Amino acid sequence: MRDIYLADTWRQARTLLDKAIAGCLADDVPEIVSLGNTLQSWRREILAHHATGASNGPTEGLNLCVKKLKRCGHGFRSLEHYRLRVLFHAGAVTWPARPQPSRIRTRAPHSFA
């Protein structure tokens, strides 16, 4: 399976995947046949990785961080506190801009040099 994802071209990945599916389906072990059926049903999605390069790895990584934080928190009383903790942990906190006070106009200081 690793070789399929590391293939250089879509055609090479397709050939390796088809060989893996055929080998799994021809095996006597039921678990290997089940793997072949799974690969066959996910064939289009596996090959789409080579055409687009898309991956859900970043999303799964962030979900893992949120779940770990939830387990460590032992429950939050406020949804806003939980939200802020997730944002802090993920490193993506963007505070809203604070309003700046209006500048008091004064005369420019004189230089006596």
Protein backbone atom coordinates (compact mmCIF):
# COMPACT_ATOMS: atom_id res chain seq x y z
CA MET A 1 0.00 0.00 0.00
CA ARG A 2 2.83 2.38 0.78
CA ASP A 3 4.21 2.00 -2.73
CA ILE A 4 0.86 3.03 -4.20
CA TYR A 5 0.89 6.36 -2.33
CA LEU A 6 4.57 6.93 -3.10
CA ALA A 7 4.16 6.29 -6.84
CA ASP A 8 5.43 9.09 -9.06
CA THR A 9 2.56 9.14 -11.55
CA TRP A 10 -1.15 8.44 -11.56
CA ARG A 11 -0.68 5.62 -14.08
CA GLN A 12 1.96 3.92 -11.96
CA ALA A 13 -0.29 4.17 -8.89
CA ARG A 14 -3.22 2.74 -10.86
CA THR A 15 -1.12 -0.25 -11.99
CA LEU A 16 0.15 -0.95 -8.47
CA LEU A 17 -3.33 -0.62 -6.98
CA ASP A 18 -4.87 -2.96 -9.54
CA LYS A 19 -2.16 -5.55 -8.85
CA ALA A 20 -2.73 -5.24 -5.09
CA ILE A 21 -6.49 -5.67 -5.50
CA ALA A 22 -6.07 -8.72 -7.74
CA GLY A 23 -3.57 -10.28 -5.33
CA CYS A 24 -5.81 -9.71 -2.32
CA LEU A 25 -8.92 -11.10 -4.02
CA ALA A 26 -7.04 -14.26 -5.09
CA ASP A 27 -5.85 -15.03 -1.55
CA ASP A 28 -7.31 -17.76 0.70
CA VAL A 29 -7.30 -15.72 3.92
CA PRO A 30 -10.70 -14.04 4.48
CA GLU A 31 -9.16 -10.90 5.99
CA ILE A 32 -6.96 -10.37 2.92
CA VAL A 33 -9.96 -10.86 0.61
CA SER A 34 -11.82 -8.29 2.72
CA LEU A 35 -8.89 -5.89 2.25
CA GLY A 36 -9.11 -6.45 -1.51
CA ASN A 37 -12.82 -5.64 -1.47
CA THR A 38 -12.17 -2.48 0.55
CA LEU A 39 -9.43 -1.38 -1.84
CA GLN A 40 -11.72 -2.04 -4.77
CA SER A 41 -14.52 0.03 -3.30
CA TRP A 42 -12.13 2.91 -2.48
CA ARG A 43 -10.16 2.68 -5.75
CA ARG A 44 -11.44 5.95 -7.19
CA GLU A 45 -10.69 7.91 -4.01
CA ILE A 46 -7.20 6.42 -3.64
CA LEU A 47 -6.34 7.33 -7.23
CA ALA A 48 -7.85 10.80 -6.80
CA HIS A 49 -5.08 11.50 -4.28
CA HIS A 50 -2.58 11.29 -7.13
CA ALA A 51 -4.63 13.49 -9.44
CA THR A 52 -5.28 16.28 -6.90
CA GLY A 53 -2.77 15.80 -4.09
CA ALA A 54 -5.58 16.46 -1.63
CA SER A 55 -5.42 14.97 1.84
CA ASN A 56 -7.56 15.23 4.94
CA GLY A 57 -4.47 14.86 7.16
CA PRO A 58 -4.52 18.45 8.49
CA THR A 59 -8.20 18.17 9.37
CA GLU A 60 -7.68 14.87 11.18
CA GLY A 61 -4.70 16.33 13.05
CA LEU A 62 -6.77 19.27 14.27
CA ASN A 63 -9.62 16.95 15.30
CA LEU A 64 -7.12 14.91 17.32
CA CYS A 65 -5.92 18.07 19.10
CA VAL A 66 -9.49 19.07 19.97
CA LYS A 67 -10.33 15.60 21.30
CA LYS A 68 -7.17 15.49 23.43
CA LEU A 69 -7.99 18.91 24.84
CA LYS A 70 -11.54 17.83 25.65
CA ARG A 71 -10.26 14.76 27.51
CA CYS A 72 -7.73 16.80 29.48
CA GLY A 73 -10.26 19.50 30.34
CA HIS A 74 -12.63 17.11 32.18
CA GLY A 75 -15.54 19.24 31.03
CA PHE A 76 -15.81 22.97 30.57
CA ARG A 77 -18.54 25.01 32.21
CA SER A 78 -18.57 27.61 29.49
CA LEU A 79 -18.62 27.00 25.76
CA GLU A 80 -16.70 30.25 25.27
CA HIS A 81 -13.89 29.02 27.55
CA TYR A 82 -13.75 25.73 25.67
CA ARG A 83 -13.64 27.57 22.35
CA LEU A 84 -10.81 29.82 23.53
CA ARG A 85 -8.83 26.86 24.88
CA VAL A 86 -9.14 25.07 21.53
CA LEU A 87 -8.01 28.19 19.69
CA PHE A 88 -5.04 28.66 22.04
CA HIS A 89 -4.05 25.02 21.67
CA ALA A 90 -4.34 25.11 17.88
CA GLY A 91 -2.29 28.28 17.69
CA ALA A 92 -4.87 30.17 15.69
CA VAL A 93 -6.12 32.84 18.06
CA THR A 94 -6.96 36.06 16.32
CA TRP A 95 -8.08 38.67 18.78
CA PRO A 96 -10.46 41.31 17.50
CA ALA A 97 -8.81 44.68 16.99
CA ARG A 98 -9.14 46.85 20.06
CA PRO A 99 -10.43 50.32 19.37
CA GLN A 100 -7.69 52.90 19.55
CA PRO A 101 -8.41 56.03 21.58
CA SER A 102 -8.62 59.17 19.56
CA ARG A 103 -5.43 61.17 19.46
CA ILE A 104 -5.42 64.41 21.39
CA ARG A 105 -4.08 67.09 19.12
CA THR A 106 -1.44 69.23 20.70
CA ARG A 107 1.16 71.54 19.37
CA ALA A 108 4.32 69.92 18.17
CA PRO A 109 7.15 70.10 20.72
CA HIS A 110 9.80 72.73 20.04
CA SER A 111 13.37 71.74 19.74
CA PHE A 112 15.86 74.01 21.47
CA ALA A 113 19.01 72.46 20.13
